[in-house]
Amino acid sequence: MRGGLGSGIVGDTIGNAKFHGGDDQAVYAYAREDLDAWQHRIERDLPNGTFGENVTTSGLDVTGALVGERWRIGTAGPLLEVTRPRTPCKTFEARMGIAGWMKTFADGGTPGAYLRVLEPGVLRAGDAVEVVHRPDHDVTIALVYRAMMGEPELYGRLLAADALPEPQKRKARKRA
């Protein structure tokens, strides 16, 4: 859906609006622990935001988040809903400046998560992320990512996640 501003973060820039932004990809979250693992692997400093994430979490398994899981960030912060994993693209590869980065990142299995904004709010550095709702299914960001990146036999399982964006639902119905 493209009814919103294209991003859930005021002042955010969308590098390629054809494939990025929109209501179902309003915010991108990535775990600091996963950035640290990449930092070690590619022997390069990766400060928060390097992967284009709007929110860098700490102590939260973003790849293990359930589609439809809801997060409240800070006391006056937004209510966000986990929608789908990020898939690597040419824009990301160009930003990183590493030949073959799309494949390297895809093989890493820690895509981070896109979220939709259910209630707006103010984000501040250091705000805690509280998981306020977990749906009653087992469709994680990791499972969706595996289906999208080469394990199509998993698509049928994705239909249990009502919060999955419509393009992914259509693909899941077609492949199931």
C-alpha atoms as a PDB file:
ATOM      1  CA  MET A   1       0.000   0.000   0.000  1.00  0.00           C
ATOM      2  CA  ARG A   2       1.312   3.437  -0.866  1.00  0.00           C
ATOM      3  CA  GLY A   3      -1.219   5.687   0.868  1.00  0.00           C
ATOM      4  CA  GLY A   4       1.157   7.079   3.477  1.00  0.00           C
ATOM      5  CA  LEU A   5       4.131   9.373   3.261  1.00  0.00           C
ATOM      6  CA  GLY A   6       6.421   6.547   2.144  1.00  0.00           C
ATOM      7  CA  SER A   7       8.244   6.401   5.443  1.00  0.00           C
ATOM      8  CA  GLY A   8       7.271   6.399   9.062  1.00  0.00           C
ATOM      9  CA  ILE A   9      10.228   8.547  10.130  1.00  0.00           C
ATOM     10  CA  VAL A  10      10.088  12.324   9.679  1.00  0.00           C
ATOM     11  CA  GLY A  11      13.094  13.489   7.690  1.00  0.00           C
ATOM     12  CA  ASP A  12      13.851  10.027   6.308  1.00  0.00           C
ATOM     13  CA  THR A  13      14.989   9.794   2.703  1.00  0.00           C
ATOM     14  CA  ILE A  14      13.806   6.926   0.509  1.00  0.00           C
ATOM     15  CA  GLY A  15      16.634   5.952  -1.847  1.00  0.00           C
ATOM     16  CA  ASN A  16      14.426   4.150  -4.388  1.00  0.00           C
ATOM     17  CA  ALA A  17      10.708   4.892  -3.917  1.00  0.00           C
ATOM     18  CA  LYS A  18       9.711   2.262  -6.491  1.00  0.00           C
ATOM     19  CA  PHE A  19      10.764  -0.563  -4.150  1.00  0.00           C
ATOM     20  CA  HIS A  20      11.187   1.120  -0.752  1.00  0.00           C
ATOM     21  CA  GLY A  21       8.909   2.931   1.652  1.00  0.00           C
ATOM     22  CA  GLY A  22       5.142   2.743   1.639  1.00  0.00           C
ATOM     23  CA  ASP A  23       2.796   1.794   4.436  1.00  0.00           C
ATOM     24  CA  ASP A  24       4.048  -1.794   4.838  1.00  0.00           C
ATOM     25  CA  GLN A  25       7.704  -0.700   4.792  1.00  0.00           C
ATOM     26  CA  ALA A  26       7.405   2.546   6.725  1.00  0.00           C
ATOM     27  CA  VAL A  27      10.178   1.730   9.218  1.00  0.00           C
ATOM     28  CA  TYR A  28      13.154  -0.608   8.913  1.00  0.00           C
ATOM     29  CA  ALA A  29      14.594  -2.162  12.081  1.00  0.00           C
ATOM     30  CA  TYR A  30      17.881  -4.017  12.446  1.00  0.00           C
ATOM     31  CA  ALA A  31      19.458  -5.574  15.531  1.00  0.00           C
ATOM     32  CA  ARG A  32      22.708  -4.136  16.862  1.00  0.00           C
ATOM     33  CA  GLU A  33      23.809  -7.696  17.622  1.00  0.00           C
ATOM     34  CA  ASP A  34      23.449  -8.587  13.922  1.00  0.00           C
ATOM     35  CA  LEU A  35      25.365  -5.451  12.904  1.00  0.00           C
ATOM     36  CA  ASP A  36      28.121  -6.507  15.304  1.00  0.00           C
ATOM     37  CA  ALA A  37      28.283  -9.960  13.682  1.00  0.00           C
ATOM     38  CA  TRP A  38      28.543  -8.355  10.221  1.00  0.00           C
ATOM     39  CA  GLN A  39      31.153  -5.929  11.513  1.00  0.00           C
ATOM     40  CA  HIS A  40      33.311  -8.859  12.580  1.00  0.00           C
ATOM     41  CA  ARG A  41      32.641 -10.784   9.364  1.00  0.00           C
ATOM     42  CA  ILE A  42      33.487  -7.985   6.921  1.00  0.00           C
ATOM     43  CA  GLU A  43      36.098  -6.329   9.173  1.00  0.00           C
ATOM     44  CA  ARG A  44      34.539  -2.896   8.877  1.00  0.00           C
ATOM     45  CA  ASP A  45      33.006  -0.504  11.387  1.00  0.00           C
ATOM     46  CA  LEU A  46      29.211  -0.517  11.080  1.00  0.00           C
ATOM     47  CA  PRO A  47      27.642   2.281  13.106  1.00  0.00           C
ATOM     48  CA  ASN A  48      23.892   2.305  13.723  1.00  0.00           C
ATOM     49  CA  GLY A  49      22.044   3.132  10.516  1.00  0.00           C
ATOM     50  CA  THR A  50      24.684   1.706   8.154  1.00  0.00           C
ATOM     51  CA  PHE A  51      22.194  -0.747   6.648  1.00  0.00           C
ATOM     52  CA  GLY A  52      19.671   2.039   6.160  1.00  0.00           C
ATOM     53  CA  GLU A  53      17.710   1.083   9.258  1.00  0.00           C
ATOM     54  CA  ASN A  54      15.624   3.736  10.963  1.00  0.00           C
ATOM     55  CA  VAL A  55      15.675   1.812  14.253  1.00  0.00           C
ATOM     56  CA  THR A  56      18.667  -0.107  15.577  1.00  0.00           C
ATOM     57  CA  THR A  57      17.524  -2.377  18.391  1.00  0.00           C
ATOM     58  CA  SER A  58      19.473  -3.928  21.227  1.00  0.00           C
ATOM     59  CA  GLY A  59      18.417  -7.090  23.037  1.00  0.00           C
ATOM     60  CA  LEU A  60      15.597  -7.827  20.571  1.00  0.00           C
ATOM     61  CA  ASP A  61      15.725 -10.698  18.064  1.00  0.00           C
ATOM     62  CA  VAL A  62      14.436  -8.810  15.012  1.00  0.00           C
ATOM     63  CA  THR A  63      14.809 -11.800  12.657  1.00  0.00           C
ATOM     64  CA  GLY A  64      12.896 -13.941  15.160  1.00  0.00           C
ATOM     65  CA  ALA A  65      10.043 -11.420  15.397  1.00  0.00           C
ATOM     66  CA  LEU A  66       6.616 -12.667  14.387  1.00  0.00           C
ATOM     67  CA  VAL A  67       4.806 -11.065  11.466  1.00  0.00           C
ATOM     68  CA  GLY A  68       2.081  -9.037  13.175  1.00  0.00           C
ATOM     69  CA  GLU A  69       4.086  -8.553  16.357  1.00  0.00           C
ATOM     70  CA  ARG A  70       3.566  -5.042  17.717  1.00  0.00           C
ATOM     71  CA  TRP A  71       6.233  -2.840  19.221  1.00  0.00           C
ATOM     72  CA  ARG A  72       5.869   0.326  21.284  1.00  0.00           C
ATOM     73  CA  ILE A  73       9.011   2.426  21.238  1.00  0.00           C
ATOM     74  CA  GLY A  74       9.485   4.753  24.210  1.00  0.00           C
ATOM     75  CA  THR A  75       6.750   6.181  26.385  1.00  0.00           C
ATOM     76  CA  ALA A  76       5.397   8.594  23.751  1.00  0.00           C
ATOM     77  CA  GLY A  77       6.620   6.585  20.809  1.00  0.00           C
ATOM     78  CA  PRO A  78       4.843   4.993  17.922  1.00  0.00           C
ATOM     79  CA  LEU A  79       3.070   1.645  17.842  1.00  0.00           C
ATOM     80  CA  LEU A  80       4.630  -0.371  15.019  1.00  0.00           C
ATOM     81  CA  GLU A  81       3.689  -3.729  13.488  1.00  0.00           C
ATOM     82  CA  VAL A  82       6.200  -6.165  12.012  1.00  0.00           C
ATOM     83  CA  THR A  83       5.322  -6.876   8.354  1.00  0.00           C
ATOM     84  CA  ARG A  84       8.120  -8.517   6.365  1.00  0.00           C
ATOM     85  CA  PRO A  85      11.866  -8.952   5.965  1.00  0.00           C
ATOM     86  CA  ARG A  86      14.097  -6.741   3.921  1.00  0.00           C
ATOM     87  CA  THR A  87      15.547  -8.284   0.793  1.00  0.00           C
ATOM     88  CA  PRO A  88      18.913  -7.046  -0.453  1.00  0.00           C
ATOM     89  CA  CYS A  89      18.934  -4.787  -3.503  1.00  0.00           C
ATOM     90  CA  LYS A  90      21.309  -2.882  -5.777  1.00  0.00           C
ATOM     91  CA  THR A  91      20.783   0.326  -3.772  1.00  0.00           C
ATOM     92  CA  PHE A  92      21.953  -1.469  -0.609  1.00  0.00           C
ATOM     93  CA  GLU A  93      24.913  -2.997  -2.456  1.00  0.00           C
ATOM     94  CA  ALA A  94      25.934   0.436  -3.806  1.00  0.00           C
ATOM     95  CA  ARG A  95      25.605   1.954  -0.330  1.00  0.00           C
ATOM     96  CA  MET A  96      27.873  -0.735   1.137  1.00  0.00           C
ATOM     97  CA  GLY A  97      30.392  -0.562  -1.725  1.00  0.00           C
ATOM     98  CA  ILE A  98      31.108  -4.293  -1.502  1.00  0.00           C
ATOM     99  CA  ALA A  99      31.056  -6.357  -4.699  1.00  0.00           C
ATOM    100  CA  GLY A 100      28.648  -9.261  -4.319  1.00  0.00           C
ATOM    101  CA  TRP A 101      27.023  -7.720  -1.227  1.00  0.00           C
ATOM    102  CA  MET A 102      23.480  -8.683  -2.276  1.00  0.00           C
ATOM    103  CA  LYS A 103      24.355 -12.379  -2.239  1.00  0.00           C
ATOM    104  CA  THR A 104      26.544 -12.092   0.848  1.00  0.00           C
ATOM    105  CA  PHE A 105      23.768 -10.340   2.790  1.00  0.00           C
ATOM    106  CA  ALA A 106      21.112 -12.763   1.515  1.00  0.00           C
ATOM    107  CA  ASP A 107      23.197 -15.738   2.624  1.00  0.00           C
ATOM    108  CA  GLY A 108      23.659 -14.166   6.080  1.00  0.00           C
ATOM    109  CA  GLY A 109      20.050 -14.870   7.057  1.00  0.00           C
ATOM    110  CA  THR A 110      19.576 -11.762   9.234  1.00  0.00           C
ATOM    111  CA  PRO A 111      17.478  -9.455   7.052  1.00  0.00           C
ATOM    112  CA  GLY A 112      15.987  -7.155   9.669  1.00  0.00           C
ATOM    113  CA  ALA A 113      12.300  -6.280   9.587  1.00  0.00           C
ATOM    114  CA  TYR A 114      10.037  -3.730   8.001  1.00  0.00           C
ATOM    115  CA  LEU A 115       7.226  -2.341  10.113  1.00  0.00           C
ATOM    116  CA  ARG A 116       4.032  -0.409   9.488  1.00  0.00           C
ATOM    117  CA  VAL A 117       2.977   2.496  11.713  1.00  0.00           C
ATOM    118  CA  LEU A 118      -0.276   1.797  13.565  1.00  0.00           C
ATOM    119  CA  GLU A 119      -0.051   4.856  15.845  1.00  0.00           C
ATOM    120  CA  PRO A 120       2.383   7.727  15.247  1.00  0.00           C
ATOM    121  CA  GLY A 121       4.698   8.933  17.956  1.00  0.00           C
ATOM    122  CA  VAL A 122       8.096  10.418  18.705  1.00  0.00           C
ATOM    123  CA  LEU A 123      11.264   8.292  18.600  1.00  0.00           C
ATOM    124  CA  ARG A 124      14.344   9.215  20.566  1.00  0.00           C
ATOM    125  CA  ALA A 125      17.759   7.595  20.679  1.00  0.00           C
ATOM    126  CA  GLY A 126      17.893   5.201  23.598  1.00  0.00           C
ATOM    127  CA  ASP A 127      14.124   4.586  23.753  1.00  0.00           C
ATOM    128  CA  ALA A 128      13.245   1.051  24.814  1.00  0.00           C
ATOM    129  CA  VAL A 129      11.358  -1.236  22.442  1.00  0.00           C
ATOM    130  CA  GLU A 130       8.538  -3.087  24.169  1.00  0.00           C
ATOM    131  CA  VAL A 131       6.819  -5.992  22.451  1.00  0.00           C
ATOM    132  CA  VAL A 132       3.173  -5.342  23.352  1.00  0.00           C
ATOM    133  CA  HIS A 133       1.532  -8.049  21.210  1.00  0.00           C
ATOM    134  CA  ARG A 134       2.623 -11.391  19.746  1.00  0.00           C
ATOM    135  CA  PRO A 135       0.205 -13.133  17.391  1.00  0.00           C
ATOM    136  CA  ASP A 136      -0.714 -16.780  17.808  1.00  0.00           C
ATOM    137  CA  HIS A 137       1.242 -18.263  14.892  1.00  0.00           C
ATOM    138  CA  ASP A 138       4.844 -19.208  14.147  1.00  0.00           C
ATOM    139  CA  VAL A 139       5.513 -17.037  11.078  1.00  0.00           C
ATOM    140  CA  THR A 140       8.746 -15.225  11.852  1.00  0.00           C
ATOM    141  CA  ILE A 141      10.698 -12.772   9.749  1.00  0.00           C
ATOM    142  CA  ALA A 142      13.244 -15.584   9.281  1.00  0.00           C
ATOM    143  CA  LEU A 143      10.585 -17.955   7.899  1.00  0.00           C
ATOM    144  CA  VAL A 144       9.255 -15.359   5.436  1.00  0.00           C
ATOM    145  CA  TYR A 145      12.817 -14.573   4.371  1.00  0.00           C
ATOM    146  CA  ARG A 146      13.629 -18.228   3.761  1.00  0.00           C
ATOM    147  CA  ALA A 147      10.499 -18.598   1.602  1.00  0.00           C
ATOM    148  CA  MET A 148      11.353 -15.460  -0.387  1.00  0.00           C
ATOM    149  CA  MET A 149      15.018 -16.376  -0.835  1.00  0.00           C
ATOM    150  CA  GLY A 150      14.776 -19.883  -2.208  1.00  0.00           C
ATOM    151  CA  GLU A 151      12.613 -22.197  -0.102  1.00  0.00           C
ATOM    152  CA  PRO A 152       9.230 -21.799  -1.853  1.00  0.00           C
ATOM    153  CA  GLU A 153       7.840 -24.903  -0.125  1.00  0.00           C
ATOM    154  CA  LEU A 154       7.508 -22.683   2.975  1.00  0.00           C
ATOM    155  CA  TYR A 155       5.048 -20.254   1.349  1.00  0.00           C
ATOM    156  CA  GLY A 156       1.953 -22.144   2.519  1.00  0.00           C
ATOM    157  CA  ARG A 157       2.947 -21.588   6.150  1.00  0.00           C
ATOM    158  CA  LEU A 158       3.010 -17.808   5.630  1.00  0.00           C
ATOM    159  CA  LEU A 159      -0.767 -17.665   5.174  1.00  0.00           C
ATOM    160  CA  ALA A 160      -1.203 -17.961   8.955  1.00  0.00           C
ATOM    161  CA  ALA A 161       0.094 -14.376   9.314  1.00  0.00           C
ATOM    162  CA  ASP A 162      -2.772 -11.939   8.712  1.00  0.00           C
ATOM    163  CA  ALA A 163      -0.406  -8.947   8.973  1.00  0.00           C
ATOM    164  CA  LEU A 164       1.729 -10.117   6.027  1.00  0.00           C
ATOM    165  CA  PRO A 165       1.551  -7.459   3.277  1.00  0.00           C
ATOM    166  CA  GLU A 166      -0.794  -8.236   0.394  1.00  0.00           C
ATOM    167  CA  PRO A 167       1.939  -8.811  -2.264  1.00  0.00           C
ATOM    168  CA  GLN A 168       3.512 -11.521  -0.092  1.00  0.00           C
ATOM    169  CA  LYS A 169       0.072 -13.006   0.682  1.00  0.00           C
ATOM    170  CA  ARG A 170      -0.706 -13.222  -3.044  1.00  0.00           C
ATOM    171  CA  LYS A 171       2.589 -14.975  -3.689  1.00  0.00           C
ATOM    172  CA  ALA A 172       1.993 -17.344  -0.752  1.00  0.00           C
ATOM    173  CA  ARG A 173      -1.524 -18.213  -2.005  1.00  0.00           C
ATOM    174  CA  LYS A 174      -0.181 -18.831  -5.507  1.00  0.00           C
ATOM    175  CA  ARG A 175       2.671 -21.052  -4.284  1.00  0.00           C
ATOM    176  CA  ALA A 176       0.721 -22.910  -1.582  1.00  0.00           C
END
